[in-house]
PDB file of N, CA and C in Angstrom:
ATOM      1  N   UNK A   1      -7.350  22.117  13.631  1.00  0.00           N
ATOM      2  CA  UNK A   1      -7.843  21.624  15.218  1.00  0.00           C
ATOM      3  C   UNK A   1      -6.146  21.735  15.544  1.00  0.00           C
ATOM      4  N   UNK A   2      -5.511  22.161  16.211  1.00  0.00           N
ATOM      5  CA  UNK A   2      -4.268  22.021  16.258  1.00  0.00           C
ATOM      6  C   UNK A   2      -4.016  21.042  17.586  1.00  0.00           C
ATOM      7  N   UNK A   3      -3.336  19.610  17.243  1.00  0.00           N
ATOM      8  CA  UNK A   3      -3.358  18.758  18.450  1.00  0.00           C
ATOM      9  C   UNK A   3      -1.893  18.701  19.005  1.00  0.00           C
ATOM     10  N   UNK A   4      -1.257  19.152  18.344  1.00  0.00           N
ATOM     11  CA  UNK A   4       0.639  19.363  18.647  1.00  0.00           C
ATOM     12  C   UNK A   4       0.594  19.881  20.415  1.00  0.00           C
ATOM     13  N   UNK A   5      -0.121  20.687  20.825  1.00  0.00           N
ATOM     14  CA  UNK A   5       0.125  21.049  22.606  1.00  0.00           C
ATOM     15  C   UNK A   5      -0.298  19.973  23.613  1.00  0.00           C
ATOM     16  N   UNK A   6      -0.821  19.231  22.935  1.00  0.00           N
ATOM     17  CA  UNK A   6      -0.986  17.512  23.635  1.00  0.00           C
ATOM     18  C   UNK A   6      -0.255  16.377  23.615  1.00  0.00           C
ATOM     19  N   UNK A   7       0.532  16.154  22.534  1.00  0.00           N
ATOM     20  CA  UNK A   7       1.464  15.449  22.359  1.00  0.00           C
ATOM     21  C   UNK A   7       2.814  15.750  23.360  1.00  0.00           C
ATOM     22  N   UNK A   8       3.347  14.560  23.640  1.00  0.00           N
ATOM     23  CA  UNK A   8       4.546  14.738  24.750  1.00  0.00           C
ATOM     24  C   UNK A   8       5.853  15.201  24.016  1.00  0.00           C
ATOM     25  N   UNK A   9       6.474  16.081  24.159  1.00  0.00           N
ATOM     26  CA  UNK A   9       7.649  16.578  23.877  1.00  0.00           C
ATOM     27  C   UNK A   9       8.540  15.735  23.115  1.00  0.00           C
ATOM     28  N   UNK A  10       8.639  14.813  23.595  1.00  0.00           N
ATOM     29  CA  UNK A  10       9.875  13.252  23.108  1.00  0.00           C
ATOM     30  C   UNK A  10       9.217  13.002  22.040  1.00  0.00           C
ATOM     31  N   UNK A  11       7.739  12.974  21.724  1.00  0.00           N
ATOM     32  CA  UNK A  11       7.494  12.569  20.121  1.00  0.00           C
ATOM     33  C   UNK A  11       7.701  13.056  18.936  1.00  0.00           C
ATOM     34  N   UNK A  12       7.492  12.460  17.785  1.00  0.00           N
ATOM     35  CA  UNK A  12       7.743  12.581  16.362  1.00  0.00           C
ATOM     36  C   UNK A  12       6.811  13.357  15.821  1.00  0.00           C
ATOM     37  N   UNK A  13       6.626  14.907  15.873  1.00  0.00           N
ATOM     38  CA  UNK A  13       5.272  15.526  15.484  1.00  0.00           C
ATOM     39  C   UNK A  13       5.573  16.046  13.937  1.00  0.00           C
ATOM     40  N   UNK A  14       4.596  15.943  12.792  1.00  0.00           N
ATOM     41  CA  UNK A  14       4.752  16.359  11.791  1.00  0.00           C
ATOM     42  C   UNK A  14       4.404  17.780  11.553  1.00  0.00           C
ATOM     43  N   UNK A  15       5.217  18.727  11.398  1.00  0.00           N
ATOM     44  CA  UNK A  15       5.054  19.719  11.701  1.00  0.00           C
ATOM     45  C   UNK A  15       4.294  20.804  10.216  1.00  0.00           C
ATOM     46  N   UNK A  16       5.431  20.038   9.180  1.00  0.00           N
ATOM     47  CA  UNK A  16       4.859  20.790   8.102  1.00  0.00           C
ATOM     48  C   UNK A  16       4.996  19.971   7.196  1.00  0.00           C
ATOM     49  N   UNK A  17       4.615  20.253   5.595  1.00  0.00           N
ATOM     50  CA  UNK A  17       5.390  19.173   4.484  1.00  0.00           C
ATOM     51  C   UNK A  17       5.202  20.348   3.041  1.00  0.00           C
ATOM     52  N   UNK A  18       5.857  19.933   2.182  1.00  0.00           N
ATOM     53  CA  UNK A  18       6.046  21.026   1.010  1.00  0.00           C
ATOM     54  C   UNK A  18       6.674  20.395  -0.304  1.00  0.00           C
ATOM     55  N   UNK A  19       6.832  20.906  -1.325  1.00  0.00           N
ATOM     56  CA  UNK A  19       6.772  20.459  -2.530  1.00  0.00           C
ATOM     57  C   UNK A  19       8.141  19.726  -2.475  1.00  0.00           C
ATOM     58  N   UNK A  20       8.373  18.617  -1.939  1.00  0.00           N
ATOM     59  CA  UNK A  20       9.684  17.619  -1.652  1.00  0.00           C
ATOM     60  C   UNK A  20      10.528  17.583  -0.349  1.00  0.00           C
ATOM     61  N   UNK A  21       9.743  18.178   0.731  1.00  0.00           N
ATOM     62  CA  UNK A  21       9.813  18.224   1.922  1.00  0.00           C
ATOM     63  C   UNK A  21       8.650  17.951   2.546  1.00  0.00           C
ATOM     64  N   UNK A  22       9.688  17.636   4.171  1.00  0.00           N
ATOM     65  CA  UNK A  22       8.810  17.524   5.488  1.00  0.00           C
ATOM     66  C   UNK A  22       9.666  18.292   6.333  1.00  0.00           C
ATOM     67  N   UNK A  23       9.015  19.053   7.544  1.00  0.00           N
ATOM     68  CA  UNK A  23       9.529  18.944   8.550  1.00  0.00           C
ATOM     69  C   UNK A  23       8.899  18.299   9.526  1.00  0.00           C
ATOM     70  N   UNK A  24       9.573  17.744  10.426  1.00  0.00           N
ATOM     71  CA  UNK A  24       9.000  16.717  11.433  1.00  0.00           C
ATOM     72  C   UNK A  24       9.879  17.101  12.665  1.00  0.00           C
ATOM     73  N   UNK A  25       9.070  17.521  13.911  1.00  0.00           N
ATOM     74  CA  UNK A  25       9.666  18.018  15.028  1.00  0.00           C
ATOM     75  C   UNK A  25      11.247  18.922  15.015  1.00  0.00           C
ATOM     76  N   UNK A  26      10.704  20.002  14.210  1.00  0.00           N
ATOM     77  CA  UNK A  26      11.252  20.973  13.703  1.00  0.00           C
ATOM     78  C   UNK A  26      12.613  20.631  13.019  1.00  0.00           C
ATOM     79  N   UNK A  27      12.950  19.420  12.296  1.00  0.00           N
ATOM     80  CA  UNK A  27      14.153  19.217  11.813  1.00  0.00           C
ATOM     81  C   UNK A  27      13.545  18.822   9.864  1.00  0.00           C
ATOM     82  N   UNK A  28      14.069  19.609   9.130  1.00  0.00           N
ATOM     83  CA  UNK A  28      13.947  19.529   7.657  1.00  0.00           C
ATOM     84  C   UNK A  28      14.241  18.002   7.191  1.00  0.00           C
ATOM     85  N   UNK A  29      13.449  17.482   6.196  1.00  0.00           N
ATOM     86  CA  UNK A  29      13.592  16.469   5.590  1.00  0.00           C
ATOM     87  C   UNK A  29      13.307  16.608   3.904  1.00  0.00           C
ATOM     88  N   UNK A  30      14.243  16.260   3.207  1.00  0.00           N
ATOM     89  CA  UNK A  30      14.221  16.402   1.541  1.00  0.00           C
ATOM     90  C   UNK A  30      13.835  14.897   1.374  1.00  0.00           C
ATOM     91  N   UNK A  31      12.741  14.523   0.424  1.00  0.00           N
ATOM     92  CA  UNK A  31      12.173  13.792   0.061  1.00  0.00           C
ATOM     93  C   UNK A  31      11.516  12.664   0.840  1.00  0.00           C
ATOM     94  N   UNK A  32      11.397  11.575   0.563  1.00  0.00           N
ATOM     95  CA  UNK A  32      10.666  10.284   1.313  1.00  0.00           C
ATOM     96  C   UNK A  32      10.840  10.687   2.871  1.00  0.00           C
ATOM     97  N   UNK A  33       9.905  10.250   3.836  1.00  0.00           N
ATOM     98  CA  UNK A  33      10.504   9.853   5.068  1.00  0.00           C
ATOM     99  C   UNK A  33       9.531   8.889   5.611  1.00  0.00           C
ATOM    100  N   UNK A  34      10.141   7.904   6.587  1.00  0.00           N
ATOM    101  CA  UNK A  34       9.143   6.892   7.144  1.00  0.00           C
ATOM    102  C   UNK A  34       9.118   7.803   8.981  1.00  0.00           C
ATOM    103  N   UNK A  35       7.952   8.182   9.764  1.00  0.00           N
ATOM    104  CA  UNK A  35       8.090   9.207  10.744  1.00  0.00           C
ATOM    105  C   UNK A  35       7.373   7.737  12.054  1.00  0.00           C
ATOM    106  N   UNK A  36       7.438   7.671  13.037  1.00  0.00           N
ATOM    107  CA  UNK A  36       7.450   6.722  14.066  1.00  0.00           C
ATOM    108  C   UNK A  36       7.454   7.167  15.475  1.00  0.00           C
ATOM    109  N   UNK A  37       6.971   7.120  16.146  1.00  0.00           N
ATOM    110  CA  UNK A  37       6.797   8.160  17.103  1.00  0.00           C
ATOM    111  C   UNK A  37       8.128   8.150  18.022  1.00  0.00           C
ATOM    112  N   UNK A  38       9.059   7.737  17.925  1.00  0.00           N
ATOM    113  CA  UNK A  38      10.277   8.329  18.737  1.00  0.00           C
ATOM    114  C   UNK A  38      11.499   7.994  17.627  1.00  0.00           C
ATOM    115  N   UNK A  39      11.275   8.156  16.103  1.00  0.00           N
ATOM    116  CA  UNK A  39      12.332   8.288  15.129  1.00  0.00           C
ATOM    117  C   UNK A  39      11.863   8.621  14.028  1.00  0.00           C
ATOM    118  N   UNK A  40      12.533   9.607  13.050  1.00  0.00           N
ATOM    119  CA  UNK A  40      12.246   9.958  11.753  1.00  0.00           C
ATOM    120  C   UNK A  40      13.115   9.434  10.862  1.00  0.00           C
ATOM    121  N   UNK A  41      13.145   8.751   9.802  1.00  0.00           N
ATOM    122  CA  UNK A  41      14.255   8.443   8.859  1.00  0.00           C
ATOM    123  C   UNK A  41      13.808   8.865   7.204  1.00  0.00           C
ATOM    124  N   UNK A  42      15.267   8.819   7.052  1.00  0.00           N
ATOM    125  CA  UNK A  42      14.936   9.285   5.220  1.00  0.00           C
ATOM    126  C   UNK A  42      14.112   7.778   4.815  1.00  0.00           C
ATOM    127  N   UNK A  43      13.429   8.197   3.728  1.00  0.00           N
ATOM    128  CA  UNK A  43      13.215   6.644   3.224  1.00  0.00           C
ATOM    129  C   UNK A  43      13.350   7.027   1.489  1.00  0.00           C
ATOM    130  N   UNK A  44      14.341   5.662   1.516  1.00  0.00           N
ATOM    131  CA  UNK A  44      15.070   5.473   0.203  1.00  0.00           C
ATOM    132  C   UNK A  44      14.114   4.962  -0.789  1.00  0.00           C
ATOM    133  N   UNK A  45      13.192   5.571  -1.297  1.00  0.00           N
ATOM    134  CA  UNK A  45      12.137   4.864  -2.567  1.00  0.00           C
ATOM    135  C   UNK A  45      11.982   5.715  -3.426  1.00  0.00           C
ATOM    136  N   UNK A  46      11.875   5.143  -4.486  1.00  0.00           N
ATOM    137  CA  UNK A  46      11.883   5.666  -5.969  1.00  0.00           C
ATOM    138  C   UNK A  46      10.663   6.534  -6.433  1.00  0.00           C
ATOM    139  N   UNK A  47       9.121   6.074  -5.836  1.00  0.00           N
ATOM    140  CA  UNK A  47       8.176   6.625  -6.140  1.00  0.00           C
ATOM    141  C   UNK A  47       7.207   5.521  -5.570  1.00  0.00           C
ATOM    142  N   UNK A  48       5.921   6.017  -5.636  1.00  0.00           N
ATOM    143  CA  UNK A  48       4.936   4.803  -5.168  1.00  0.00           C
ATOM    144  C   UNK A  48       5.009   3.093  -5.911  1.00  0.00           C
ATOM    145  N   UNK A  49       5.498   3.503  -7.105  1.00  0.00           N
ATOM    146  CA  UNK A  49       5.127   2.118  -8.215  1.00  0.00           C
ATOM    147  C   UNK A  49       6.386   1.554  -7.728  1.00  0.00           C
ATOM    148  N   UNK A  50       7.542   1.877  -7.308  1.00  0.00           N
ATOM    149  CA  UNK A  50       8.702   1.043  -7.070  1.00  0.00           C
ATOM    150  C   UNK A  50       8.413   0.484  -5.458  1.00  0.00           C
ATOM    151  N   UNK A  51       7.348   0.713  -4.724  1.00  0.00           N
ATOM    152  CA  UNK A  51       7.250   0.197  -3.320  1.00  0.00           C
ATOM    153  C   UNK A  51       7.251  -1.323  -3.594  1.00  0.00           C
ATOM    154  N   UNK A  52       7.863  -2.115  -2.785  1.00  0.00           N
ATOM    155  CA  UNK A  52       7.804  -3.532  -2.553  1.00  0.00           C
ATOM    156  C   UNK A  52       8.032  -3.814  -0.970  1.00  0.00           C
ATOM    157  N   UNK A  53       7.848  -4.840  -0.589  1.00  0.00           N
ATOM    158  CA  UNK A  53       7.539  -5.373   1.013  1.00  0.00           C
ATOM    159  C   UNK A  53       8.841  -4.887   1.617  1.00  0.00           C
ATOM    160  N   UNK A  54      10.406  -4.959   0.777  1.00  0.00           N
ATOM    161  CA  UNK A  54      11.219  -5.011   1.501  1.00  0.00           C
ATOM    162  C   UNK A  54      11.338  -2.727   1.946  1.00  0.00           C
ATOM    163  N   UNK A  55      10.641  -2.102   1.305  1.00  0.00           N
ATOM    164  CA  UNK A  55      10.307  -0.815   1.539  1.00  0.00           C
ATOM    165  C   UNK A  55      10.158  -0.552   2.934  1.00  0.00           C
ATOM    166  N   UNK A  56       9.589  -1.459   2.778  1.00  0.00           N
ATOM    167  CA  UNK A  56       8.389  -1.111   4.387  1.00  0.00           C
ATOM    168  C   UNK A  56       9.654  -1.747   5.506  1.00  0.00           C
ATOM    169  N   UNK A  57      10.609  -2.151   5.602  1.00  0.00           N
ATOM    170  CA  UNK A  57      11.273  -3.033   6.532  1.00  0.00           C
ATOM    171  C   UNK A  57      11.734  -2.066   7.879  1.00  0.00           C
ATOM    172  N   UNK A  58      11.649  -1.107   7.862  1.00  0.00           N
ATOM    173  CA  UNK A  58      11.427  -0.199   9.502  1.00  0.00           C
ATOM    174  C   UNK A  58      10.378  -0.334   9.651  1.00  0.00           C
ATOM    175  N   UNK A  59       8.969  -0.769   9.243  1.00  0.00           N
ATOM    176  CA  UNK A  59       7.993  -0.920   9.975  1.00  0.00           C
ATOM    177  C   UNK A  59       7.604  -2.382  10.160  1.00  0.00           C
ATOM    178  N   UNK A  60       8.130  -3.311   9.244  1.00  0.00           N
ATOM    179  CA  UNK A  60       7.602  -4.589   9.875  1.00  0.00           C
ATOM    180  C   UNK A  60       8.752  -5.231  11.255  1.00  0.00           C
ATOM    181  N   UNK A  61       9.600  -4.559  10.998  1.00  0.00           N
ATOM    182  CA  UNK A  61      10.545  -4.941  12.029  1.00  0.00           C
ATOM    183  C   UNK A  61      10.519  -4.269  13.098  1.00  0.00           C
ATOM    184  N   UNK A  62       9.572  -3.269  13.301  1.00  0.00           N
ATOM    185  CA  UNK A  62       9.666  -1.989  14.440  1.00  0.00           C
ATOM    186  C   UNK A  62       9.504  -3.153  15.777  1.00  0.00           C
ATOM    187  N   UNK A  63       9.869  -2.579  17.101  1.00  0.00           N
ATOM    188  CA  UNK A  63       9.296  -3.092  17.925  1.00  0.00           C
ATOM    189  C   UNK A  63       9.382  -2.033  19.607  1.00  0.00           C
ATOM    190  N   UNK A  64       8.522  -1.709  19.370  1.00  0.00           N
ATOM    191  CA  UNK A  64       7.136  -2.409  19.456  1.00  0.00           C
ATOM    192  C   UNK A  64       6.594  -2.307  18.155  1.00  0.00           C
ATOM    193  N   UNK A  65       5.792  -3.328  17.801  1.00  0.00           N
ATOM    194  CA  UNK A  65       4.934  -3.305  16.335  1.00  0.00           C
ATOM    195  C   UNK A  65       4.187  -1.968  16.709  1.00  0.00           C
ATOM    196  N   UNK A  66       3.872  -1.712  15.477  1.00  0.00           N
ATOM    197  CA  UNK A  66       3.453  -0.354  14.486  1.00  0.00           C
ATOM    198  C   UNK A  66       1.461  -1.112  14.463  1.00  0.00           C
ATOM    199  N   UNK A  67       0.618  -0.385  15.371  1.00  0.00           N
ATOM    200  CA  UNK A  67      -0.807  -0.281  15.078  1.00  0.00           C
ATOM    201  C   UNK A  67      -1.107  -0.006  13.871  1.00  0.00           C
ATOM    202  N   UNK A  68      -0.905   0.710  13.391  1.00  0.00           N
ATOM    203  CA  UNK A  68      -1.327   1.296  12.156  1.00  0.00           C
ATOM    204  C   UNK A  68      -0.008   1.820  11.252  1.00  0.00           C
ATOM    205  N   UNK A  69      -0.013   1.418   9.933  1.00  0.00           N
ATOM    206  CA  UNK A  69       0.939   2.744   8.951  1.00  0.00           C
ATOM    207  C   UNK A  69       0.010   2.969   8.176  1.00  0.00           C
ATOM    208  N   UNK A  70       0.295   4.384   8.020  1.00  0.00           N
ATOM    209  CA  UNK A  70      -0.444   5.667   7.198  1.00  0.00           C
ATOM    210  C   UNK A  70       0.787   5.508   6.132  1.00  0.00           C
ATOM    211  N   UNK A  71       0.128   5.635   4.926  1.00  0.00           N
ATOM    212  CA  UNK A  71       0.650   5.495   3.891  1.00  0.00           C
ATOM    213  C   UNK A  71      -0.055   6.665   2.955  1.00  0.00           C
ATOM    214  N   UNK A  72       1.157   7.445   2.768  1.00  0.00           N
ATOM    215  CA  UNK A  72       1.233   9.153   2.003  1.00  0.00           C
ATOM    216  C   UNK A  72       1.696   8.494   0.643  1.00  0.00           C
ATOM    217  N   UNK A  73       0.635   8.670  -0.256  1.00  0.00           N
ATOM    218  CA  UNK A  73       1.460   8.544  -1.847  1.00  0.00           C
ATOM    219  C   UNK A  73       1.798   9.470  -2.393  1.00  0.00           C
ATOM    220  N   UNK A  74       1.604  10.901  -1.737  1.00  0.00           N
ATOM    221  CA  UNK A  74       2.035  11.983  -2.318  1.00  0.00           C
ATOM    222  C   UNK A  74       0.937  12.723  -2.510  1.00  0.00           C
ATOM    223  N   UNK A  75       1.024  13.502  -3.786  1.00  0.00           N
ATOM    224  CA  UNK A  75      -0.414  14.601  -3.745  1.00  0.00           C
ATOM    225  C   UNK A  75      -1.379  13.736  -4.012  1.00  0.00           C
ATOM    226  N   UNK A  76      -1.739  13.081  -4.773  1.00  0.00           N
ATOM    227  CA  UNK A  76      -2.910  12.153  -4.877  1.00  0.00           C
ATOM    228  C   UNK A  76      -2.932  10.845  -3.948  1.00  0.00           C
ATOM    229  N   UNK A  77      -3.915  10.550  -3.711  1.00  0.00           N
ATOM    230  CA  UNK A  77      -4.184   9.132  -2.994  1.00  0.00           C
ATOM    231  C   UNK A  77      -3.770   7.848  -4.232  1.00  0.00           C
ATOM    232  N   UNK A  78      -3.529   6.665  -3.828  1.00  0.00           N
ATOM    233  CA  UNK A  78      -3.310   5.869  -5.009  1.00  0.00           C
ATOM    234  C   UNK A  78      -3.660   4.416  -4.390  1.00  0.00           C
ATOM    235  N   UNK A  79      -3.835   3.440  -5.154  1.00  0.00           N
ATOM    236  CA  UNK A  79      -4.586   2.139  -4.673  1.00  0.00           C
ATOM    237  C   UNK A  79      -3.197   1.421  -4.683  1.00  0.00           C
ATOM    238  N   UNK A  80      -2.698   0.690  -3.387  1.00  0.00           N
ATOM    239  CA  UNK A  80      -1.791  -0.354  -3.095  1.00  0.00           C
ATOM    240  C   UNK A  80      -2.227  -1.341  -3.876  1.00  0.00           C
ATOM    241  N   UNK A  81      -1.089  -1.744  -4.775  1.00  0.00           N
ATOM    242  CA  UNK A  81      -1.204  -3.791  -5.082  1.00  0.00           C
ATOM    243  C   UNK A  81      -1.848  -4.507  -3.981  1.00  0.00           C
ATOM    244  N   UNK A  82      -2.897  -5.355  -4.297  1.00  0.00           N
ATOM    245  CA  UNK A  82      -3.311  -6.059  -3.529  1.00  0.00           C
ATOM    246  C   UNK A  82      -2.130  -7.143  -3.013  1.00  0.00           C
ATOM    247  N   UNK A  83      -1.222  -7.513  -3.819  1.00  0.00           N
ATOM    248  CA  UNK A  83       0.088  -8.348  -3.376  1.00  0.00           C
ATOM    249  C   UNK A  83       0.668  -7.698  -2.223  1.00  0.00           C
ATOM    250  N   UNK A  84       1.008  -6.386  -2.555  1.00  0.00           N
ATOM    251  CA  UNK A  84       1.263  -6.003  -1.432  1.00  0.00           C
ATOM    252  C   UNK A  84       0.988  -5.488  -0.499  1.00  0.00           C
ATOM    253  N   UNK A  85      -0.287  -5.186  -0.194  1.00  0.00           N
ATOM    254  CA  UNK A  85      -1.236  -5.035   1.230  1.00  0.00           C
ATOM    255  C   UNK A  85      -1.384  -6.253   1.819  1.00  0.00           C
ATOM    256  N   UNK A  86      -1.245  -7.334   0.929  1.00  0.00           N
ATOM    257  CA  UNK A  86      -1.615  -8.564   1.527  1.00  0.00           C
ATOM    258  C   UNK A  86      -0.212  -9.354   2.313  1.00  0.00           C
ATOM    259  N   UNK A  87       0.921  -8.941   1.409  1.00  0.00           N
ATOM    260  CA  UNK A  87       2.380  -9.221   1.971  1.00  0.00           C
ATOM    261  C   UNK A  87       2.453  -8.345   3.309  1.00  0.00           C
ATOM    262  N   UNK A  88       2.134  -7.151   3.352  1.00  0.00           N
ATOM    263  CA  UNK A  88       2.098  -6.122   4.724  1.00  0.00           C
ATOM    264  C   UNK A  88       1.176  -6.876   5.777  1.00  0.00           C
ATOM    265  N   UNK A  89       0.034  -7.081   5.450  1.00  0.00           N
ATOM    266  CA  UNK A  89      -0.783  -7.749   6.442  1.00  0.00           C
ATOM    267  C   UNK A  89      -0.039  -9.139   7.097  1.00  0.00           C
ATOM    268  N   UNK A  90       0.567 -10.068   6.011  1.00  0.00           N
ATOM    269  CA  UNK A  90       1.184 -11.121   6.453  1.00  0.00           C
ATOM    270  C   UNK A  90       2.258 -11.194   7.636  1.00  0.00           C
ATOM    271  N   UNK A  91       2.720  -9.563   7.596  1.00  0.00           N
ATOM    272  CA  UNK A  91       3.832  -9.264   8.245  1.00  0.00           C
ATOM    273  C   UNK A  91       3.543  -8.390   9.490  1.00  0.00           C
ATOM    274  N   UNK A  92       1.969  -8.822   9.762  1.00  0.00           N
ATOM    275  CA  UNK A  92       1.416  -7.927  10.871  1.00  0.00           C
ATOM    276  C   UNK A  92       1.299  -6.572  10.532  1.00  0.00           C
ATOM    277  N   UNK A  93       1.350  -5.819   9.506  1.00  0.00           N
ATOM    278  CA  UNK A  93       1.095  -4.552   9.715  1.00  0.00           C
ATOM    279  C   UNK A  93      -0.005  -3.988   8.461  1.00  0.00           C
ATOM    280  N   UNK A  94      -1.175  -3.317   9.512  1.00  0.00           N
ATOM    281  CA  UNK A  94      -2.474  -2.801   9.024  1.00  0.00           C
ATOM    282  C   UNK A  94      -1.743  -1.604   8.296  1.00  0.00           C
ATOM    283  N   UNK A  95      -2.141  -1.272   7.147  1.00  0.00           N
ATOM    284  CA  UNK A  95      -2.058  -0.318   6.527  1.00  0.00           C
ATOM    285  C   UNK A  95      -3.023   0.750   5.915  1.00  0.00           C
ATOM    286  N   UNK A  96      -3.237   1.893   5.826  1.00  0.00           N
ATOM    287  CA  UNK A  96      -4.348   2.599   5.191  1.00  0.00           C
ATOM    288  C   UNK A  96      -3.675   3.637   4.474  1.00  0.00           C
ATOM    289  N   UNK A  97      -3.868   3.765   3.158  1.00  0.00           N
ATOM    290  CA  UNK A  97      -3.312   4.446   2.083  1.00  0.00           C
ATOM    291  C   UNK A  97      -4.339   5.544   1.916  1.00  0.00           C
ATOM    292  N   UNK A  98      -3.442   7.088   1.606  1.00  0.00           N
ATOM    293  CA  UNK A  98      -4.183   7.858   1.478  1.00  0.00           C
ATOM    294  C   UNK A  98      -3.069   9.054   0.766  1.00  0.00           C
ATOM    295  N   UNK A  99      -3.525  10.340   0.391  1.00  0.00           N
ATOM    296  CA  UNK A  99      -2.603  11.440   0.007  1.00  0.00           C
ATOM    297  C   UNK A  99      -1.929  11.796   1.215  1.00  0.00           C
ATOM    298  N   UNK A 100      -0.265  12.468   1.265  1.00  0.00           N
ATOM    299  CA  UNK A 100       0.547  12.568   2.107  1.00  0.00           C
ATOM    300  C   UNK A 100      -0.044  13.945   2.766  1.00  0.00           C
ATOM    301  N   UNK A 101      -0.899  14.376   2.316  1.00  0.00           N
ATOM    302  CA  UNK A 101      -1.162  15.809   3.809  1.00  0.00           C
ATOM    303  C   UNK A 101      -2.348  15.064   4.475  1.00  0.00           C
ATOM    304  N   UNK A 102      -3.071  14.328   3.951  1.00  0.00           N
ATOM    305  CA  UNK A 102      -3.856  13.807   4.894  1.00  0.00           C
ATOM    306  C   UNK A 102      -3.406  12.696   5.512  1.00  0.00           C
ATOM    307  N   UNK A 103      -2.498  11.803   5.124  1.00  0.00           N
ATOM    308  CA  UNK A 103      -1.298  10.715   6.421  1.00  0.00           C
ATOM    309  C   UNK A 103      -0.872  12.022   7.350  1.00  0.00           C
ATOM    310  N   UNK A 104      -0.096  12.968   7.074  1.00  0.00           N
ATOM    311  CA  UNK A 104       0.309  13.854   8.009  1.00  0.00           C
ATOM    312  C   UNK A 104      -0.646  14.168   9.026  1.00  0.00           C
ATOM    313  N   UNK A 105      -1.614  14.850   8.464  1.00  0.00           N
ATOM    314  CA  UNK A 105      -2.767  15.240   9.815  1.00  0.00           C
ATOM    315  C   UNK A 105      -3.247  13.864  10.616  1.00  0.00           C
ATOM    316  N   UNK A 106      -3.363  12.896   9.989  1.00  0.00           N
ATOM    317  CA  UNK A 106      -3.884  11.639  10.460  1.00  0.00           C
ATOM    318  C   UNK A 106      -3.036  11.131  11.479  1.00  0.00           C
ATOM    319  N   UNK A 107      -1.550  11.319  11.151  1.00  0.00           N
ATOM    320  CA  UNK A 107      -0.543  10.707  12.091  1.00  0.00           C
ATOM    321  C   UNK A 107      -0.708  11.487  13.290  1.00  0.00           C
ATOM    322  N   UNK A 108      -0.744  12.867  12.886  1.00  0.00           N
ATOM    323  CA  UNK A 108      -0.607  13.958  14.212  1.00  0.00           C
ATOM    324  C   UNK A 108      -1.745  13.372  15.306  1.00  0.00           C
ATOM    325  N   UNK A 109      -2.908  13.348  14.775  1.00  0.00           N
ATOM    326  CA  UNK A 109      -4.403  12.923  15.495  1.00  0.00           C
ATOM    327  C   UNK A 109      -3.792  11.797  16.431  1.00  0.00           C
ATOM    328  N   UNK A 110      -3.637  10.529  15.730  1.00  0.00           N
ATOM    329  CA  UNK A 110      -3.185   9.389  16.185  1.00  0.00           C
ATOM    330  C   UNK A 110      -2.164   9.567  17.102  1.00  0.00           C
ATOM    331  N   UNK A 111      -1.286  10.166  16.983  1.00  0.00           N
ATOM    332  CA  UNK A 111       0.335  10.189  17.967  1.00  0.00           C
ATOM    333  C   UNK A 111      -0.478  10.833  19.227  1.00  0.00           C
ATOM    334  N   UNK A 112      -1.386  12.267  19.194  1.00  0.00           N
ATOM    335  CA  UNK A 112      -1.742  12.633  20.053  1.00  0.00           C
ATOM    336  C   UNK A 112      -2.989  11.656  21.200  1.00  0.00           C
ATOM    337  N   UNK A 113      -3.612  10.837  20.425  1.00  0.00           N
ATOM    338  CA  UNK A 113      -4.490   9.837  21.165  1.00  0.00           C
ATOM    339  C   UNK A 113      -3.415   9.111  21.903  1.00  0.00           C
ATOM    340  N   UNK A 114      -2.233   8.792  21.550  1.00  0.00           N
ATOM    341  CA  UNK A 114      -1.223   7.742  22.338  1.00  0.00           C
ATOM    342  C   UNK A 114      -1.140   6.419  21.826  1.00  0.00           C
ATOM    343  N   UNK A 115      -1.905   6.565  20.189  1.00  0.00           N
ATOM    344  CA  UNK A 115      -1.602   5.395  19.161  1.00  0.00           C
ATOM    345  C   UNK A 115      -0.012   4.794  18.738  1.00  0.00           C
ATOM    346  N   UNK A 116       0.343   3.513  18.805  1.00  0.00           N
ATOM    347  CA  UNK A 116       1.653   3.212  17.967  1.00  0.00           C
ATOM    348  C   UNK A 116       1.423   3.630  16.616  1.00  0.00           C
ATOM    349  N   UNK A 117       1.639   4.544  16.095  1.00  0.00           N
ATOM    350  CA  UNK A 117       1.427   4.702  14.557  1.00  0.00           C
ATOM    351  C   UNK A 117       2.821   4.955  13.754  1.00  0.00           C
ATOM    352  N   UNK A 118       3.031   4.722  12.580  1.00  0.00           N
ATOM    353  CA  UNK A 118       3.782   5.158  11.723  1.00  0.00           C
ATOM    354  C   UNK A 118       3.404   6.162  10.360  1.00  0.00           C
ATOM    355  N   UNK A 119       4.082   6.643   9.815  1.00  0.00           N
ATOM    356  CA  UNK A 119       3.474   7.230   8.368  1.00  0.00           C
ATOM    357  C   UNK A 119       4.867   7.327   7.299  1.00  0.00           C
ATOM    358  N   UNK A 120       4.704   6.387   6.453  1.00  0.00           N
ATOM    359  CA  UNK A 120       5.377   6.256   5.280  1.00  0.00           C
ATOM    360  C   UNK A 120       5.233   7.622   4.491  1.00  0.00           C
ATOM    361  N   UNK A 121       5.725   8.350   4.211  1.00  0.00           N
ATOM    362  CA  UNK A 121       5.123   9.676   3.633  1.00  0.00           C
ATOM    363  C   UNK A 121       6.144   9.734   2.074  1.00  0.00           C
ATOM    364  N   UNK A 122       5.385  10.146   1.173  1.00  0.00           N
ATOM    365  CA  UNK A 122       6.281  10.290  -0.448  1.00  0.00           C
ATOM    366  C   UNK A 122       5.847  11.958  -0.122  1.00  0.00           C
ATOM    367  N   UNK A 123       6.514  12.542  -0.701  1.00  0.00           N
ATOM    368  CA  UNK A 123       6.483  14.108  -0.893  1.00  0.00           C
ATOM    369  C   UNK A 123       5.622  14.892  -1.902  1.00  0.00           C
ATOM    370  N   UNK A 124       4.804  15.568  -1.704  1.00  0.00           N
ATOM    371  CA  UNK A 124       3.934  16.402  -2.519  1.00  0.00           C
ATOM    372  C   UNK A 124       4.585  17.009  -3.789  1.00  0.00           C
TER     373      UNK A 124
END
C-alpha cells in the first residue's frame, strides 16, 4: 500500500533505499541517515557496533520530542545492547529496532498517521 499520497508535501518521505543509499523526498543520501518529519540529516556513524548514546544526539535533543525512534540496523535486525536501550529510554526516547527496509516502511506509515516519528537508518 502506497501511503505517500496522504502525507503532507512538506514532510520527509522515504522514497527508496538501496545498497549504501537512501532517497528521501527526492534527495539522494549516501550512507546512514536520520530522517525526521521536517528534516533529514546524514548520520556519521561507523556501523551498528559503534552506536553510543551520543550517536543519537539529533533525536535526544529534538524539539518537539520524537514519539518513537525506528532504528534500522541495515540488511538484518540486530539486538540493541541493553545499556544503550536504557540510556535512550532515560533520555526520553522510545526505540524500536528492525532491519532498515522495515524501518523505512514503518516510518512512512507512522508519518502518514501524523505521528512524531524518526528513523535512524544504516544502509543495506
